[in-house]
Amino acid sequence: MPNIAVGEIPVYTTDLGTAVNNLRFKMREDMLIAHSGFPVAANNVCSAGGGLFTPRAIKVDLTDGSSIRFPVANPANIATAMAAFRTIPGFACAHLEGERWRFIPPALVGAAGGNNTEYNIPDGPTTIITGSADYTSDLIGPTNVRFKMEAEPAAIYVAVFSCLENPVIGTAPCSPTAGIQPRKLTVDARNDNGGTISRLTKPQTFGGDVVDCAQTLYGVGLCVRYRGESARNAHLLV
């Protein structure tokens, strides 16, 4: 069985645009040294920052049936890293796994805290709003995405809709991001029947757009979570 080593990313930039120093990860020692682009950690006593989120990574499948998960230090480097990993001996395919925050601490996005409002959803059919909006993909660059969201509760709809860039309501003729799961923020709010209301939206790009949107969502909901752009067989896109 291959030896496992601890690698260290000197500076990891989150999809929120924050910098995490000395972020550590585990990987097969041979792959870490030959292909990760990161050094072996001097020691493995502590690891910075990783408890809040799961770092983005490119998962490479090899022809021997094994898989290696390579972290990517900056979202701007995803396409370049994807191209480099295609040269690994035995490369079969690669998949993008977006950064994941199961809970974004409100203070990280400038919010005082969550909103405890209990919302009422009227009985009967819910109005569904569909359309398309501008989006900058980590893999293919500027494009657009489709959106679909419920119009009730109105306060939450206004918030999630405001996170879209240049939204156009109506039927979109095609989806240039087919095969890509766009980055998304999800807000969870309280329903007055004791349940949970969950609504998602799609920020145009990482960094400021994600932070501004998360701050807006905390104005209407109790918790906000995030998943970065992901894609199966992403090596076919770059």
Protein backbone atom coordinates (compact mmCIF):
# COMPACT_ATOMS: atom_id res chain seq x y z
CA MET A 1 0.00 0.00 0.00
CA PRO A 2 1.43 3.44 -0.94
CA ASN A 3 2.74 5.64 1.85
CA ILE A 4 0.52 8.55 2.86
CA ALA A 5 2.15 11.92 3.52
CA VAL A 6 0.96 15.30 4.78
CA GLY A 7 1.28 18.15 2.29
CA GLU A 8 0.99 21.85 2.97
CA ILE A 9 -0.50 24.67 0.88
CA PRO A 10 1.41 27.84 1.87
CA VAL A 11 -1.58 30.08 1.03
CA TYR A 12 -5.03 28.73 0.18
CA THR A 13 -7.54 31.26 -1.18
CA THR A 14 -11.12 30.34 -0.35
CA ASP A 15 -14.07 30.99 -2.65
CA LEU A 16 -14.94 33.79 -0.22
CA GLY A 17 -11.64 35.43 -1.15
CA THR A 18 -10.06 34.91 2.29
CA ALA A 19 -6.51 33.61 2.67
CA VAL A 20 -5.72 30.57 4.81
CA ASN A 21 -2.03 30.03 5.56
CA ASN A 22 -0.41 26.60 5.88
CA LEU A 23 -3.46 24.52 4.98
CA ARG A 24 -2.54 20.85 5.25
CA PHE A 25 -3.89 17.78 3.51
CA LYS A 26 -3.12 14.07 3.14
CA MET A 27 -2.17 12.34 -0.09
CA ARG A 28 -0.20 9.43 -1.48
CA GLU A 29 3.42 10.38 -0.93
CA ASP A 30 4.52 9.66 -4.51
CA MET A 31 1.73 11.80 -5.99
CA LEU A 32 2.30 14.60 -3.48
CA ILE A 33 5.97 14.91 -4.34
CA ALA A 34 5.73 14.39 -8.11
CA HIS A 35 2.48 16.09 -9.10
CA SER A 36 0.71 18.14 -6.40
CA GLY A 37 2.93 21.21 -6.66
CA PHE A 38 3.00 21.53 -2.86
CA PRO A 39 5.72 20.62 -0.34
CA VAL A 40 5.60 17.91 2.29
CA ALA A 41 4.69 19.56 5.60
CA ALA A 42 7.58 20.06 7.99
CA ASN A 43 5.49 18.36 10.70
CA ASN A 44 1.87 17.37 11.09
CA VAL A 45 1.11 18.71 14.56
CA CYS A 46 -1.40 21.34 13.42
CA SER A 47 -3.43 22.13 10.32
CA ALA A 48 -4.81 25.58 9.62
CA GLY A 49 -8.33 26.50 8.63
CA GLY A 50 -9.64 23.23 7.28
CA GLY A 51 -12.25 22.72 9.99
CA LEU A 52 -14.52 25.39 8.52
CA PHE A 53 -14.65 24.09 4.96
CA THR A 54 -13.64 21.32 2.58
CA PRO A 55 -11.06 22.65 0.09
CA ARG A 56 -11.74 22.56 -3.65
CA ALA A 57 -9.92 19.77 -5.46
CA ILE A 58 -9.45 18.00 -8.75
CA LYS A 59 -10.08 14.27 -8.39
CA VAL A 60 -7.98 12.35 -10.90
CA ASP A 61 -8.95 8.80 -11.85
CA LEU A 62 -6.09 6.59 -13.04
CA THR A 63 -6.20 3.59 -15.36
CA ASP A 64 -5.16 1.27 -12.50
CA GLY A 65 -8.48 2.01 -10.80
CA SER A 66 -7.10 4.34 -8.14
CA SER A 67 -8.12 7.97 -7.58
CA ILE A 68 -6.10 10.90 -6.25
CA ARG A 69 -7.65 14.09 -4.90
CA PHE A 70 -5.42 17.12 -5.63
CA PRO A 71 -6.30 20.35 -3.77
CA VAL A 72 -6.14 23.58 -5.78
CA ALA A 73 -4.84 26.62 -3.91
CA ASN A 74 -6.69 29.32 -5.84
CA PRO A 75 -9.96 29.17 -7.81
CA ALA A 76 -8.30 31.16 -10.59
CA ASN A 77 -5.85 28.26 -11.11
CA ILE A 78 -8.39 25.47 -11.67
CA ALA A 79 -8.19 25.34 -15.48
CA THR A 80 -4.36 25.46 -15.45
CA ALA A 81 -4.15 22.71 -12.84
CA MET A 82 -6.61 20.57 -14.77
CA ALA A 83 -4.43 20.76 -17.88
CA ALA A 84 -1.29 19.85 -15.89
CA PHE A 85 -2.87 16.79 -14.29
CA ARG A 86 -3.69 15.36 -17.72
CA THR A 87 0.05 14.60 -18.09
CA ILE A 88 0.12 12.26 -15.06
CA PRO A 89 1.07 8.72 -16.19
CA GLY A 90 -2.03 6.53 -16.27
CA PHE A 91 -4.42 9.48 -16.40
CA ALA A 92 -7.97 8.44 -17.28
CA CYS A 93 -10.22 11.37 -16.36
CA ALA A 94 -10.60 14.21 -13.87
CA HIS A 95 -13.45 15.77 -11.96
CA LEU A 96 -13.77 19.16 -10.26
CA GLU A 97 -15.01 19.05 -6.67
CA GLY A 98 -16.01 22.50 -5.47
CA GLU A 99 -15.11 23.99 -2.13
CA ARG A 100 -17.81 23.28 0.45
CA TRP A 101 -18.99 25.25 3.47
CA ARG A 102 -21.72 23.44 5.40
CA PHE A 103 -22.11 26.67 7.40
CA ILE A 104 -20.57 30.06 6.67
CA PRO A 105 -19.97 31.93 9.94
CA PRO A 106 -21.89 35.24 9.61
CA ALA A 107 -18.90 37.30 10.78
CA LEU A 108 -16.84 36.10 7.79
CA VAL A 109 -19.22 37.87 5.41
CA GLY A 110 -19.87 40.95 7.54
CA ALA A 111 -23.25 39.83 8.91
CA ALA A 112 -24.23 40.32 12.54
CA GLY A 113 -25.97 36.94 12.61
CA GLY A 114 -28.89 35.04 11.16
CA ASN A 115 -32.51 36.14 10.84
CA ASN A 116 -34.95 34.17 13.02
CA THR A 117 -38.07 35.29 11.17
CA GLU A 118 -40.71 32.58 10.76
CA TYR A 119 -42.15 32.86 7.25
CA ASN A 120 -45.58 31.88 6.06
CA ILE A 121 -45.99 30.27 2.64
CA PRO A 122 -49.53 30.79 1.26
CA ASP A 123 -51.61 27.73 0.46
CA GLY A 124 -52.02 26.73 -3.16
CA PRO A 125 -49.66 26.56 -6.13
CA THR A 126 -46.42 28.48 -5.78
CA THR A 127 -45.31 30.83 -8.54
CA ILE A 128 -42.02 29.68 -10.08
CA ILE A 129 -39.67 32.26 -11.61
CA THR A 130 -37.26 31.03 -14.29
CA GLY A 131 -34.68 32.67 -16.51
CA SER A 132 -30.95 33.08 -17.07
CA ALA A 133 -28.16 35.20 -15.60
CA ASP A 134 -24.51 36.04 -16.27
CA TYR A 135 -21.99 33.64 -14.75
CA THR A 136 -18.21 33.29 -14.83
CA SER A 137 -17.20 29.63 -14.75
CA ASP A 138 -13.99 28.49 -13.09
CA LEU A 139 -13.57 26.12 -16.04
CA ILE A 140 -14.84 27.83 -19.19
CA GLY A 141 -14.96 31.52 -18.26
CA PRO A 142 -17.83 33.97 -18.97
CA THR A 143 -21.12 32.29 -19.80
CA ASN A 144 -24.64 32.23 -18.36
CA VAL A 145 -26.70 29.94 -16.17
CA ARG A 146 -30.35 29.13 -15.84
CA PHE A 147 -32.19 29.77 -12.61
CA LYS A 148 -35.44 28.54 -11.14
CA MET A 149 -36.82 29.80 -7.85
CA GLU A 150 -40.03 30.08 -5.87
CA ALA A 151 -41.58 33.53 -5.49
CA GLU A 152 -42.66 32.88 -1.88
CA PRO A 153 -41.80 33.93 0.73
CA ALA A 154 -41.36 37.26 -1.03
CA ALA A 155 -38.54 38.54 1.22
CA ILE A 156 -36.40 35.46 0.55
CA TYR A 157 -37.16 35.54 -3.18
CA VAL A 158 -36.01 39.17 -3.39
CA ALA A 159 -32.77 38.29 -1.61
CA VAL A 160 -31.86 35.24 -3.71
CA PHE A 161 -32.86 37.01 -6.93
CA SER A 162 -30.65 40.01 -6.05
CA CYS A 163 -27.58 37.73 -6.01
CA LEU A 164 -27.95 36.98 -9.74
CA GLU A 165 -25.97 39.09 -12.22
CA ASN A 166 -28.03 40.66 -15.02
CA PRO A 167 -30.94 38.22 -14.63
CA VAL A 168 -33.42 37.88 -17.48
CA ILE A 169 -36.77 36.31 -16.63
CA GLY A 170 -38.16 33.97 -19.26
CA THR A 171 -37.25 30.85 -21.18
CA ALA A 172 -33.56 30.42 -22.00
CA PRO A 173 -32.92 28.80 -25.42
CA CYS A 174 -29.95 26.76 -24.21
CA SER A 175 -27.64 26.16 -21.28
CA PRO A 176 -23.95 26.73 -22.12
CA THR A 177 -23.01 25.32 -18.70
CA ALA A 178 -24.48 21.87 -19.38
CA GLY A 179 -22.34 19.40 -17.45
CA ILE A 180 -21.22 22.01 -14.93
CA GLN A 181 -22.78 22.43 -11.50
CA PRO A 182 -22.45 26.20 -10.93
CA ARG A 183 -21.33 27.59 -7.58
CA LYS A 184 -24.29 28.14 -5.30
CA LEU A 185 -25.26 29.64 -1.97
CA THR A 186 -28.18 28.16 -0.06
CA VAL A 187 -30.09 29.95 2.68
CA ASP A 188 -32.14 28.08 5.27
CA ALA A 189 -34.94 29.97 7.00
CA ARG A 190 -37.69 29.10 9.47
CA ASN A 191 -41.18 28.17 8.33
CA ASP A 192 -43.99 29.09 10.71
CA ASN A 193 -45.23 25.48 10.56
CA GLY A 194 -42.06 24.26 12.25
CA GLY A 195 -40.26 23.28 9.05
CA THR A 196 -37.35 24.70 7.09
CA ILE A 197 -37.38 26.82 3.95
CA SER A 198 -34.33 26.36 1.70
CA ARG A 199 -33.59 28.51 -1.34
CA LEU A 200 -30.47 28.63 -3.51
CA THR A 201 -28.91 31.20 -5.79
CA LYS A 202 -25.88 31.40 -8.10
CA PRO A 203 -23.29 34.18 -7.60
CA GLN A 204 -21.56 35.28 -10.79
CA THR A 205 -18.01 34.69 -9.58
CA PHE A 206 -16.00 33.72 -6.49
CA GLY A 207 -14.79 36.23 -3.91
CA GLY A 208 -16.76 39.43 -3.49
CA ASP A 209 -19.89 38.14 -5.21
CA VAL A 210 -20.08 35.18 -2.82
CA VAL A 211 -19.46 37.36 0.24
CA ASP A 212 -21.98 40.05 -0.75
CA CYS A 213 -24.62 37.45 -1.54
CA ALA A 214 -24.07 35.54 1.71
CA GLN A 215 -24.39 38.77 3.66
CA THR A 216 -27.69 39.51 1.89
CA LEU A 217 -28.98 36.01 2.60
CA TYR A 218 -28.22 36.35 6.30
CA GLY A 219 -30.62 39.29 6.26
CA VAL A 220 -33.51 36.91 5.53
CA GLY A 221 -32.40 33.50 6.85
CA LEU A 222 -30.81 31.72 9.76
CA CYS A 223 -28.04 29.72 8.07
CA VAL A 224 -26.10 30.05 4.80
CA ARG A 225 -24.07 27.31 3.14
CA TYR A 226 -21.98 27.17 -0.02
CA ARG A 227 -20.77 24.76 -2.69
CA GLY A 228 -18.23 25.81 -5.31
CA GLU A 229 -18.42 24.97 -8.98
CA SER A 230 -18.17 21.24 -9.67
CA ALA A 231 -18.11 19.07 -12.78
CA ARG A 232 -17.75 15.44 -13.76
CA ASN A 233 -15.21 14.73 -16.52
CA ALA A 234 -14.04 18.32 -16.29
CA HIS A 235 -10.90 17.50 -18.28
CA LEU A 236 -13.08 17.57 -21.39
CA LEU A 237 -13.89 21.24 -20.81
CA VAL A 238 -10.39 22.75 -20.68
